[in-house]
Amino acid sequence: MTIMPADFQAALDNYAQVFAALTPENLHTTLPQVFAPQAKFKDPFNEVVGLEKIMGIFEHMYATLDAPHFVITHTAQKGMVGYIHWHFHFQLKGQVQPQTLEGLSRIVFNEQHQVIEHIDYWDAGAAIYAKIPLLGWGVRWVAKKLSAQQG
């Protein structure tokens, strides 16, 4: 059986919709529908293999953040690999200021249109570390030294 690229685009679109609609209530019913049992998930803070561990990352996200949600801005697909551009909106527990991270996810599908690899790319230094008082000063100082546009 030959799988047409449009089938993978439909799988990517469905996956993006799952993330845009993800909630603590539907987490355990929707993620098993899109991830293969031994899928790999990686972001700047986590690297796990297996559906249960992937769900654990999102359980932790909902337990430690207020109002986390993804806004999908664009998808692109070629063959069995797709990319999702997103904005992640959230508030830290006990904080009133909303935060937004911008990132890109690389998604790899198997022949059954299940996700076998999800790798997130986003700038943890600017998004998180630079906002921590003493650590942030150091991160900003290093970034300035490495910048081609030093002032």
N, C-alpha and C. Protein backbone atom coordinates (compact mmCIF):
# COMPACT_ATOMS: atom_id res chain seq x y z
N MET A 1 0.83 -1.18 0.00
CA MET A 1 0.00 0.00 0.00
C MET A 1 0.88 1.25 0.00
N THR A 2 0.62 2.16 -0.88
CA THR A 2 1.34 3.43 -0.93
C THR A 2 0.56 4.49 -0.18
N ILE A 3 1.23 5.18 0.73
CA ILE A 3 0.58 6.24 1.48
C ILE A 3 0.88 7.56 0.80
N MET A 4 -0.16 8.29 0.47
CA MET A 4 -0.02 9.54 -0.23
C MET A 4 0.36 10.66 0.75
N PRO A 5 1.14 11.64 0.29
CA PRO A 5 1.51 12.76 1.16
C PRO A 5 0.32 13.47 1.78
N ALA A 6 -0.80 13.56 1.07
CA ALA A 6 -1.99 14.23 1.62
C ALA A 6 -2.46 13.54 2.89
N ASP A 7 -2.27 12.21 2.98
CA ASP A 7 -2.65 11.49 4.19
C ASP A 7 -1.84 11.97 5.39
N PHE A 8 -0.56 12.25 5.17
CA PHE A 8 0.29 12.74 6.25
C PHE A 8 -0.06 14.19 6.59
N GLN A 9 -0.45 14.98 5.59
CA GLN A 9 -0.90 16.35 5.89
C GLN A 9 -2.15 16.31 6.75
N ALA A 10 -3.06 15.41 6.46
CA ALA A 10 -4.27 15.27 7.28
C ALA A 10 -3.90 14.83 8.70
N ALA A 11 -2.94 13.92 8.83
CA ALA A 11 -2.49 13.47 10.15
C ALA A 11 -1.84 14.63 10.92
N LEU A 12 -1.05 15.45 10.23
CA LEU A 12 -0.42 16.60 10.87
C LEU A 12 -1.48 17.62 11.29
N ASP A 13 -2.43 17.90 10.42
CA ASP A 13 -3.50 18.84 10.77
C ASP A 13 -4.28 18.35 11.98
N ASN A 14 -4.58 17.06 12.04
CA ASN A 14 -5.27 16.48 13.18
C ASN A 14 -4.44 16.63 14.45
N TYR A 15 -3.15 16.35 14.35
CA TYR A 15 -2.25 16.45 15.50
C TYR A 15 -2.20 17.89 16.01
N ALA A 16 -2.11 18.84 15.10
CA ALA A 16 -2.09 20.25 15.50
C ALA A 16 -3.40 20.62 16.21
N GLN A 17 -4.52 20.12 15.71
CA GLN A 17 -5.82 20.40 16.33
C GLN A 17 -5.89 19.79 17.73
N VAL A 18 -5.30 18.60 17.91
CA VAL A 18 -5.27 17.97 19.23
C VAL A 18 -4.55 18.89 20.21
N PHE A 19 -3.41 19.43 19.83
CA PHE A 19 -2.66 20.30 20.73
C PHE A 19 -3.39 21.61 21.00
N ALA A 20 -4.04 22.16 20.00
CA ALA A 20 -4.79 23.40 20.19
C ALA A 20 -5.97 23.20 21.13
N ALA A 21 -6.51 21.99 21.19
CA ALA A 21 -7.69 21.71 22.02
C ALA A 21 -7.35 20.93 23.29
N LEU A 22 -6.07 20.72 23.57
CA LEU A 22 -5.66 19.91 24.71
C LEU A 22 -6.06 20.55 26.03
N THR A 23 -6.62 19.74 26.93
CA THR A 23 -7.00 20.17 28.27
C THR A 23 -6.64 19.06 29.25
N PRO A 24 -6.62 19.37 30.54
CA PRO A 24 -6.38 18.29 31.51
C PRO A 24 -7.46 17.21 31.44
N GLU A 25 -8.66 17.59 31.05
CA GLU A 25 -9.76 16.64 31.00
C GLU A 25 -9.66 15.67 29.81
N ASN A 26 -9.12 16.13 28.68
CA ASN A 26 -9.07 15.25 27.50
C ASN A 26 -7.69 14.67 27.22
N LEU A 27 -6.73 15.01 28.03
CA LEU A 27 -5.35 14.57 27.87
C LEU A 27 -5.23 13.06 27.69
N HIS A 28 -5.89 12.29 28.55
CA HIS A 28 -5.73 10.83 28.53
C HIS A 28 -6.56 10.14 27.46
N THR A 29 -7.44 10.87 26.81
CA THR A 29 -8.21 10.26 25.73
C THR A 29 -7.69 10.67 24.35
N THR A 30 -7.14 11.89 24.24
CA THR A 30 -6.69 12.34 22.91
C THR A 30 -5.25 11.95 22.58
N LEU A 31 -4.34 12.05 23.54
CA LEU A 31 -2.94 11.74 23.21
C LEU A 31 -2.73 10.29 22.78
N PRO A 32 -3.41 9.30 23.38
CA PRO A 32 -3.24 7.93 22.90
C PRO A 32 -3.74 7.73 21.47
N GLN A 33 -4.59 8.59 20.99
CA GLN A 33 -5.09 8.48 19.62
C GLN A 33 -4.07 8.94 18.59
N VAL A 34 -3.10 9.77 19.00
CA VAL A 34 -2.16 10.32 18.01
C VAL A 34 -0.72 9.84 18.19
N PHE A 35 -0.34 9.43 19.39
CA PHE A 35 1.03 8.97 19.64
C PHE A 35 1.13 7.45 19.53
N ALA A 36 2.21 6.97 18.94
CA ALA A 36 2.55 5.54 18.98
C ALA A 36 2.97 5.22 20.42
N PRO A 37 2.78 3.98 20.86
CA PRO A 37 3.10 3.62 22.26
C PRO A 37 4.53 3.93 22.68
N GLN A 38 5.49 3.80 21.78
CA GLN A 38 6.89 4.04 22.13
C GLN A 38 7.43 5.32 21.49
N ALA A 39 6.58 6.32 21.34
CA ALA A 39 6.99 7.59 20.75
C ALA A 39 8.03 8.28 21.62
N LYS A 40 8.84 9.11 20.96
CA LYS A 40 9.85 9.92 21.63
C LYS A 40 9.34 11.36 21.69
N PHE A 41 9.53 12.01 22.84
CA PHE A 41 9.17 13.42 23.01
C PHE A 41 10.36 14.13 23.62
N LYS A 42 10.71 15.29 23.03
CA LYS A 42 11.85 16.05 23.54
C LYS A 42 11.54 17.53 23.47
N ASP A 43 11.86 18.24 24.56
CA ASP A 43 11.81 19.70 24.57
C ASP A 43 13.03 20.17 25.36
N PRO A 44 13.21 21.48 25.58
CA PRO A 44 14.42 21.92 26.29
C PRO A 44 14.57 21.37 27.71
N PHE A 45 13.49 20.84 28.32
CA PHE A 45 13.58 20.36 29.69
C PHE A 45 13.36 18.86 29.84
N ASN A 46 12.84 18.21 28.82
CA ASN A 46 12.46 16.80 28.93
C ASN A 46 12.92 16.02 27.71
N GLU A 47 13.20 14.76 27.93
CA GLU A 47 13.42 13.82 26.83
C GLU A 47 12.95 12.46 27.34
N VAL A 48 11.83 11.99 26.78
CA VAL A 48 11.24 10.75 27.25
C VAL A 48 10.84 9.87 26.06
N VAL A 49 10.66 8.59 26.36
CA VAL A 49 10.16 7.63 25.38
C VAL A 49 8.99 6.90 26.02
N GLY A 50 7.88 6.84 25.29
CA GLY A 50 6.71 6.13 25.75
C GLY A 50 5.54 7.05 26.05
N LEU A 51 4.37 6.58 25.68
CA LEU A 51 3.15 7.37 25.82
C LEU A 51 2.89 7.79 27.27
N GLU A 52 3.07 6.90 28.22
CA GLU A 52 2.81 7.23 29.62
C GLU A 52 3.70 8.38 30.10
N LYS A 53 4.97 8.35 29.70
CA LYS A 53 5.89 9.42 30.10
C LYS A 53 5.55 10.73 29.39
N ILE A 54 5.12 10.65 28.15
CA ILE A 54 4.70 11.85 27.43
C ILE A 54 3.49 12.47 28.13
N MET A 55 2.53 11.64 28.49
CA MET A 55 1.36 12.17 29.19
C MET A 55 1.76 12.77 30.54
N GLY A 56 2.78 12.20 31.17
CA GLY A 56 3.28 12.74 32.44
C GLY A 56 3.81 14.15 32.29
N ILE A 57 4.46 14.45 31.16
CA ILE A 57 4.95 15.81 30.92
C ILE A 57 3.78 16.79 30.88
N PHE A 58 2.71 16.41 30.21
CA PHE A 58 1.56 17.31 30.11
C PHE A 58 0.78 17.39 31.42
N GLU A 59 0.72 16.31 32.16
CA GLU A 59 0.11 16.36 33.49
C GLU A 59 0.87 17.36 34.36
N HIS A 60 2.20 17.31 34.30
CA HIS A 60 3.03 18.24 35.06
C HIS A 60 2.78 19.67 34.61
N MET A 61 2.66 19.88 33.31
CA MET A 61 2.39 21.22 32.77
C MET A 61 1.10 21.78 33.36
N TYR A 62 0.04 20.98 33.35
CA TYR A 62 -1.24 21.45 33.89
C TYR A 62 -1.20 21.64 35.40
N ALA A 63 -0.37 20.87 36.10
CA ALA A 63 -0.28 21.00 37.55
C ALA A 63 0.52 22.23 37.98
N THR A 64 1.45 22.68 37.14
CA THR A 64 2.35 23.76 37.54
C THR A 64 2.06 25.10 36.88
N LEU A 65 1.19 25.12 35.87
CA LEU A 65 0.88 26.37 35.17
C LEU A 65 -0.62 26.64 35.21
N ASP A 66 -0.96 27.91 35.15
CA ASP A 66 -2.35 28.31 35.03
C ASP A 66 -2.66 28.62 33.58
N ALA A 67 -3.80 28.15 33.12
CA ALA A 67 -4.35 28.44 31.78
C ALA A 67 -3.39 28.17 30.63
N PRO A 68 -2.63 27.05 30.65
CA PRO A 68 -1.74 26.79 29.52
C PRO A 68 -2.54 26.36 28.28
N HIS A 69 -2.18 26.92 27.14
CA HIS A 69 -2.80 26.49 25.89
C HIS A 69 -1.92 26.88 24.71
N PHE A 70 -2.07 26.10 23.65
CA PHE A 70 -1.30 26.30 22.42
C PHE A 70 -2.17 26.97 21.37
N VAL A 71 -1.58 27.92 20.66
CA VAL A 71 -2.22 28.50 19.49
C VAL A 71 -1.34 28.12 18.30
N ILE A 72 -1.91 27.37 17.39
CA ILE A 72 -1.16 26.91 16.22
C ILE A 72 -1.25 27.99 15.15
N THR A 73 -0.10 28.40 14.63
CA THR A 73 -0.09 29.47 13.63
C THR A 73 0.18 28.97 12.22
N HIS A 74 0.87 27.81 12.10
CA HIS A 74 1.22 27.33 10.77
C HIS A 74 1.65 25.87 10.87
N THR A 75 1.37 25.11 9.83
CA THR A 75 1.91 23.75 9.72
C THR A 75 2.54 23.59 8.34
N ALA A 76 3.50 22.70 8.26
CA ALA A 76 4.12 22.35 6.98
C ALA A 76 4.47 20.88 7.04
N GLN A 77 4.39 20.22 5.90
CA GLN A 77 4.60 18.78 5.87
C GLN A 77 5.32 18.38 4.59
N LYS A 78 6.22 17.42 4.72
CA LYS A 78 6.86 16.81 3.56
C LYS A 78 7.05 15.34 3.90
N GLY A 79 6.36 14.50 3.18
CA GLY A 79 6.45 13.06 3.46
C GLY A 79 5.92 12.76 4.84
N MET A 80 6.69 12.02 5.61
CA MET A 80 6.27 11.58 6.94
C MET A 80 6.71 12.54 8.04
N VAL A 81 7.23 13.70 7.67
CA VAL A 81 7.71 14.68 8.64
C VAL A 81 6.89 15.96 8.51
N GLY A 82 6.48 16.47 9.66
CA GLY A 82 5.72 17.71 9.68
C GLY A 82 6.30 18.69 10.68
N TYR A 83 5.94 19.94 10.51
CA TYR A 83 6.38 21.01 11.40
C TYR A 83 5.17 21.82 11.83
N ILE A 84 5.13 22.17 13.10
CA ILE A 84 4.05 22.98 13.64
C ILE A 84 4.67 24.20 14.31
N HIS A 85 4.28 25.39 13.84
CA HIS A 85 4.69 26.63 14.48
C HIS A 85 3.58 26.99 15.47
N TRP A 86 3.95 27.34 16.70
CA TRP A 86 2.96 27.57 17.74
C TRP A 86 3.38 28.69 18.68
N HIS A 87 2.38 29.19 19.39
CA HIS A 87 2.57 30.08 20.53
C HIS A 87 1.95 29.37 21.73
N PHE A 88 2.70 29.31 22.81
CA PHE A 88 2.22 28.67 24.03
C PHE A 88 1.95 29.78 25.05
N HIS A 89 0.70 29.89 25.47
CA HIS A 89 0.29 30.92 26.42
C HIS A 89 0.06 30.26 27.77
N PHE A 90 0.52 30.93 28.84
CA PHE A 90 0.38 30.37 30.18
C PHE A 90 0.64 31.44 31.22
N GLN A 91 0.35 31.12 32.46
CA GLN A 91 0.74 31.93 33.61
C GLN A 91 1.38 31.00 34.62
N LEU A 92 2.43 31.47 35.25
CA LEU A 92 3.02 30.71 36.34
C LEU A 92 2.06 30.74 37.52
N LYS A 93 1.94 29.64 38.24
CA LYS A 93 1.05 29.59 39.40
C LYS A 93 1.41 30.73 40.35
N GLY A 94 0.39 31.45 40.79
CA GLY A 94 0.61 32.54 41.73
C GLY A 94 1.03 33.85 41.10
N GLN A 95 1.23 33.86 39.80
CA GLN A 95 1.64 35.08 39.09
C GLN A 95 0.45 35.62 38.31
N VAL A 96 0.42 36.91 38.07
CA VAL A 96 -0.70 37.48 37.32
C VAL A 96 -0.33 37.79 35.87
N GLN A 97 0.94 37.92 35.60
CA GLN A 97 1.37 38.29 34.25
C GLN A 97 1.38 37.09 33.31
N PRO A 98 0.59 37.16 32.24
CA PRO A 98 0.62 36.05 31.26
C PRO A 98 1.96 36.01 30.54
N GLN A 99 2.34 34.82 30.12
CA GLN A 99 3.58 34.58 29.40
C GLN A 99 3.26 33.94 28.06
N THR A 100 4.13 34.14 27.09
CA THR A 100 3.99 33.49 25.80
C THR A 100 5.35 33.01 25.33
N LEU A 101 5.39 31.76 24.88
CA LEU A 101 6.57 31.19 24.24
C LEU A 101 6.23 30.93 22.79
N GLU A 102 7.17 31.19 21.91
CA GLU A 102 7.00 30.85 20.50
C GLU A 102 7.92 29.70 20.18
N GLY A 103 7.41 28.72 19.46
CA GLY A 103 8.25 27.58 19.15
C GLY A 103 7.84 26.84 17.90
N LEU A 104 8.62 25.82 17.61
CA LEU A 104 8.40 24.98 16.44
C LEU A 104 8.57 23.53 16.89
N SER A 105 7.66 22.68 16.44
CA SER A 105 7.76 21.25 16.74
C SER A 105 7.99 20.49 15.45
N ARG A 106 8.94 19.55 15.50
CA ARG A 106 9.18 18.63 14.38
C ARG A 106 8.49 17.33 14.73
N ILE A 107 7.60 16.89 13.85
CA ILE A 107 6.78 15.72 14.11
C ILE A 107 7.09 14.66 13.05
N VAL A 108 7.37 13.43 13.48
CA VAL A 108 7.61 12.33 12.55
C VAL A 108 6.51 11.28 12.76
N PHE A 109 5.92 10.84 11.65
CA PHE A 109 4.84 9.86 11.69
C PHE A 109 5.35 8.50 11.23
N ASN A 110 4.68 7.44 11.70
CA ASN A 110 4.93 6.11 11.16
C ASN A 110 3.92 5.83 10.04
N GLU A 111 3.97 4.65 9.47
CA GLU A 111 3.08 4.30 8.36
C GLU A 111 1.60 4.30 8.75
N GLN A 112 1.33 4.17 10.05
CA GLN A 112 -0.05 4.15 10.54
C GLN A 112 -0.54 5.55 10.93
N HIS A 113 0.23 6.57 10.57
CA HIS A 113 -0.09 7.97 10.86
C HIS A 113 -0.05 8.30 12.35
N GLN A 114 0.70 7.52 13.12
CA GLN A 114 0.90 7.81 14.53
C GLN A 114 2.20 8.59 14.68
N VAL A 115 2.24 9.49 15.65
CA VAL A 115 3.46 10.25 15.92
C VAL A 115 4.46 9.33 16.61
N ILE A 116 5.66 9.24 16.03
CA ILE A 116 6.72 8.44 16.65
C ILE A 116 7.82 9.34 17.23
N GLU A 117 7.82 10.61 16.84
CA GLU A 117 8.80 11.55 17.39
C GLU A 117 8.23 12.96 17.36
N HIS A 118 8.34 13.63 18.50
CA HIS A 118 7.91 15.03 18.63
C HIS A 118 9.06 15.75 19.31
N ILE A 119 9.69 16.68 18.59
CA ILE A 119 10.79 17.44 19.16
C ILE A 119 10.44 18.92 19.08
N ASP A 120 10.44 19.57 20.25
CA ASP A 120 10.15 21.00 20.34
C ASP A 120 11.42 21.81 20.29
N TYR A 121 11.36 22.91 19.55
CA TYR A 121 12.46 23.86 19.48
C TYR A 121 11.93 25.22 19.92
N TRP A 122 12.46 25.72 21.02
CA TRP A 122 12.15 27.06 21.49
C TRP A 122 13.29 27.53 22.39
N ASP A 123 13.38 28.83 22.57
CA ASP A 123 14.50 29.44 23.27
C ASP A 123 14.23 29.49 24.77
N ALA A 124 14.71 28.50 25.49
CA ALA A 124 14.53 28.45 26.94
C ALA A 124 15.31 29.57 27.62
N GLY A 125 16.43 29.99 27.04
CA GLY A 125 17.23 31.06 27.64
C GLY A 125 16.46 32.37 27.71
N ALA A 126 15.91 32.78 26.59
CA ALA A 126 15.17 34.05 26.55
C ALA A 126 13.82 33.93 27.23
N ALA A 127 13.18 32.78 27.06
CA ALA A 127 11.82 32.63 27.56
C ALA A 127 11.75 32.38 29.06
N ILE A 128 12.72 31.69 29.61
CA ILE A 128 12.66 31.31 31.02
C ILE A 128 13.86 31.84 31.81
N TYR A 129 15.06 31.42 31.45
CA TYR A 129 16.24 31.72 32.24
C TYR A 129 16.51 33.22 32.37
N ALA A 130 16.29 33.98 31.30
CA ALA A 130 16.58 35.42 31.34
C ALA A 130 15.64 36.17 32.28
N LYS A 131 14.55 35.55 32.69
CA LYS A 131 13.58 36.21 33.57
C LYS A 131 13.82 35.91 35.05
N ILE A 132 14.79 35.06 35.34
CA ILE A 132 15.13 34.75 36.73
C ILE A 132 16.15 35.78 37.19
N PRO A 133 15.91 36.50 38.30
CA PRO A 133 16.72 37.67 38.66
C PRO A 133 18.23 37.53 38.47
N LEU A 134 18.95 36.77 39.25
CA LEU A 134 20.41 36.71 39.11
C LEU A 134 20.83 35.91 37.88
N LEU A 135 20.20 34.79 37.68
CA LEU A 135 20.52 33.96 36.51
C LEU A 135 20.23 34.73 35.22
N GLY A 136 19.13 35.48 35.22
CA GLY A 136 18.76 36.25 34.04
C GLY A 136 19.82 37.25 33.65
N TRP A 137 20.42 37.92 34.64
CA TRP A 137 21.47 38.88 34.33
C TRP A 137 22.61 38.17 33.60
N GLY A 138 23.00 37.00 34.08
CA GLY A 138 24.09 36.25 33.44
C GLY A 138 23.73 35.79 32.04
N VAL A 139 22.52 35.32 31.85
CA VAL A 139 22.09 34.88 30.52
C VAL A 139 22.09 36.05 29.56
N ARG A 140 21.55 37.19 29.98
CA ARG A 140 21.52 38.38 29.11
C ARG A 140 22.94 38.87 28.80
N TRP A 141 23.86 38.81 29.78
CA TRP A 141 25.24 39.24 29.57
C TRP A 141 25.92 38.35 28.53
N VAL A 142 25.76 37.02 28.66
CA VAL A 142 26.35 36.09 27.69
C VAL A 142 25.75 36.32 26.31
N ALA A 143 24.44 36.49 26.22
CA ALA A 143 23.79 36.73 24.92
C ALA A 143 24.32 38.00 24.28
N LYS A 144 24.51 39.04 25.07
CA LYS A 144 25.04 40.30 24.54
C LYS A 144 26.47 40.11 24.02
N LYS A 145 27.29 39.36 24.76
CA LYS A 145 28.68 39.12 24.33
C LYS A 145 28.75 38.31 23.03
N LEU A 146 27.78 37.42 22.84
CA LEU A 146 27.77 36.58 21.65
C LEU A 146 27.09 37.24 20.45
N SER A 147 26.41 38.34 20.70
CA SER A 147 25.67 39.02 19.65
C SER A 147 26.60 39.73 18.68
N ALA A 148 26.27 39.70 17.42
CA ALA A 148 27.03 40.42 16.41
C ALA A 148 26.77 41.93 16.50
N GLN A 149 25.68 42.31 17.17
CA GLN A 149 25.31 43.71 17.30
C GLN A 149 25.54 44.22 18.72
N GLN A 150 26.74 44.03 19.21
CA GLN A 150 27.05 44.48 20.57
C GLN A 150 26.98 46.01 20.62
N GLY A 151 26.38 46.50 21.70
CA GLY A 151 26.17 47.95 21.80
C GLY A 151 27.12 48.60 22.66
